[in-house]
Amino acid sequence: MMKGLGNLGDMGKMMKAAQEMQTKMAQLQEDLKAITVTGESGAGLVKATATGKGELTQLDIDPSIFNADDKEVVEDLILAAIKDAQTRAQDRAKEEMGKIAESMGLPRDMNLPM
């Protein structure tokens, strides 16, 4: 189709691949909003649920940890669960990005912009 145009045929392929990647990245952004991950701390006494984009959507705290004397411990458990959920969200996003990169013939661990 683009025979005889030298490297312009390759440029057309590159542009098509770039557009395809852009479409896949936009879809991934939408998909990450629907993916949920749950982080926990205190052997599951505190659970934090977040989207694949790391937005906290739910916090579940076992009532057995409520004791006025343990306020700082409870706060630490809540923060730990939230951080765990955010880390899991980042890991999931990287995993999904790796799938896109791999599907396009790129290295799975290539850092694509989000």
Protein backbone atom coordinates (compact mmCIF):
# COMPACT_ATOMS: atom_id res chain seq x y z
CA MET A 1 0.00 0.00 0.00
CA MET A 2 2.79 2.46 0.82
CA LYS A 3 5.42 0.72 -1.25
CA GLY A 4 7.91 3.04 -2.83
CA LEU A 5 7.55 5.68 -0.16
CA GLY A 6 10.61 4.56 1.80
CA ASN A 7 10.32 4.94 5.54
CA LEU A 8 6.94 6.64 5.30
CA GLY A 9 5.28 3.22 5.38
CA ASP A 10 6.97 2.57 8.73
CA MET A 11 5.83 5.98 9.94
CA GLY A 12 2.25 5.04 9.09
CA LYS A 13 2.63 1.84 11.10
CA MET A 14 4.06 3.77 14.02
CA MET A 15 1.21 6.26 13.95
CA LYS A 16 -1.35 3.47 13.85
CA ALA A 17 0.39 1.73 16.78
CA ALA A 18 0.47 5.00 18.74
CA GLN A 19 -3.25 5.55 18.15
CA GLU A 20 -3.97 1.97 19.18
CA MET A 21 -1.96 2.43 22.38
CA GLN A 22 -3.74 5.70 23.14
CA THR A 23 -7.11 3.97 22.76
CA LYS A 24 -6.03 1.09 25.00
CA MET A 25 -4.67 3.50 27.62
CA ALA A 26 -7.94 5.44 27.69
CA GLN A 27 -9.85 2.18 28.12
CA LEU A 28 -7.49 1.11 30.91
CA GLN A 29 -8.14 4.39 32.76
CA GLU A 30 -11.85 3.60 32.67
CA ASP A 31 -11.29 -0.03 33.66
CA LEU A 32 -9.17 0.98 36.66
CA LYS A 33 -12.15 2.92 38.02
CA ALA A 34 -14.16 -0.33 38.10
CA ILE A 35 -11.43 -2.58 39.52
CA THR A 36 -11.40 -2.84 43.31
CA VAL A 37 -8.66 -4.06 45.63
CA THR A 38 -8.78 -4.55 49.38
CA GLY A 39 -5.92 -3.89 51.74
CA GLU A 40 -5.94 -4.99 55.33
CA SER A 41 -4.09 -4.72 58.60
CA GLY A 42 -4.31 -6.21 62.07
CA ALA A 43 -4.94 -9.69 60.64
CA GLY A 44 -8.04 -8.43 58.85
CA LEU A 45 -9.45 -6.31 61.69
CA VAL A 46 -9.25 -3.24 59.45
CA LYS A 47 -9.94 -3.46 55.72
CA ALA A 48 -9.73 -0.65 53.18
CA THR A 49 -11.15 -1.01 49.67
CA ALA A 50 -9.95 1.19 46.82
CA THR A 51 -10.38 1.45 43.07
CA GLY A 52 -7.58 0.46 40.72
CA LYS A 53 -6.75 4.17 40.62
CA GLY A 54 -6.16 4.16 44.39
CA GLU A 55 -9.32 6.04 45.43
CA LEU A 56 -10.59 4.82 48.79
CA THR A 57 -14.18 3.60 48.50
CA GLN A 58 -14.83 1.65 51.70
CA LEU A 59 -13.42 1.18 55.17
CA ASP A 60 -14.43 -1.82 57.32
CA ILE A 61 -13.39 -1.86 60.98
CA ASP A 62 -14.05 -4.80 63.29
CA PRO A 63 -15.81 -3.40 66.38
CA SER A 64 -13.61 -5.46 68.69
CA ILE A 65 -10.74 -2.99 68.25
CA PHE A 66 -12.63 -0.03 69.71
CA ASN A 67 -11.17 0.72 73.08
CA ALA A 68 -10.41 4.28 74.18
CA ASP A 69 -7.03 3.18 75.51
CA ASP A 70 -6.02 1.85 72.09
CA LYS A 71 -6.88 4.93 70.02
CA GLU A 72 -3.37 5.26 68.54
CA VAL A 73 -3.25 1.56 67.68
CA VAL A 74 -6.58 1.82 65.85
CA GLU A 75 -5.40 4.88 63.94
CA ASP A 76 -2.22 3.05 62.92
CA LEU A 77 -4.23 0.03 61.77
CA ILE A 78 -6.50 2.24 59.67
CA LEU A 79 -3.55 3.99 58.03
CA ALA A 80 -1.83 0.66 57.38
CA ALA A 81 -4.95 -0.78 55.72
CA ILE A 82 -5.33 2.30 53.50
CA LYS A 83 -1.67 2.20 52.49
CA ASP A 84 -1.98 -1.52 51.73
CA ALA A 85 -5.02 -0.88 49.52
CA GLN A 86 -3.22 1.91 47.67
CA THR A 87 -0.15 -0.29 47.11
CA ARG A 88 -2.36 -3.09 45.79
CA ALA A 89 -4.08 -0.59 43.47
CA GLN A 90 -0.71 0.56 42.10
CA ASP A 91 0.41 -3.04 41.62
CA ARG A 92 -2.83 -3.88 39.79
CA ALA A 93 -2.49 -0.83 37.54
CA LYS A 94 1.10 -1.85 36.68
CA GLU A 95 -0.12 -5.37 35.92
CA GLU A 96 -2.80 -4.05 33.57
CA MET A 97 -0.29 -1.69 31.92
CA GLY A 98 2.06 -4.62 31.40
CA LYS A 99 -0.70 -6.50 29.59
CA ILE A 100 -1.21 -3.56 27.23
CA ALA A 101 2.52 -3.18 26.58
CA GLU A 102 2.89 -6.90 25.93
CA SER A 103 -0.08 -6.93 23.56
CA MET A 104 1.67 -4.26 21.52
CA GLY A 105 4.95 -6.17 21.34
CA LEU A 106 6.66 -4.02 23.96
CA PRO A 107 8.44 -5.28 27.08
CA ARG A 108 5.92 -6.10 29.82
CA ASP A 109 7.88 -4.08 32.38
CA MET A 110 8.10 -0.96 30.20
CA ASN A 111 6.94 2.08 32.15
CA LEU A 112 4.09 3.50 30.11
CA PRO A 113 2.63 6.86 31.12
CA MET A 114 -0.68 6.71 32.98
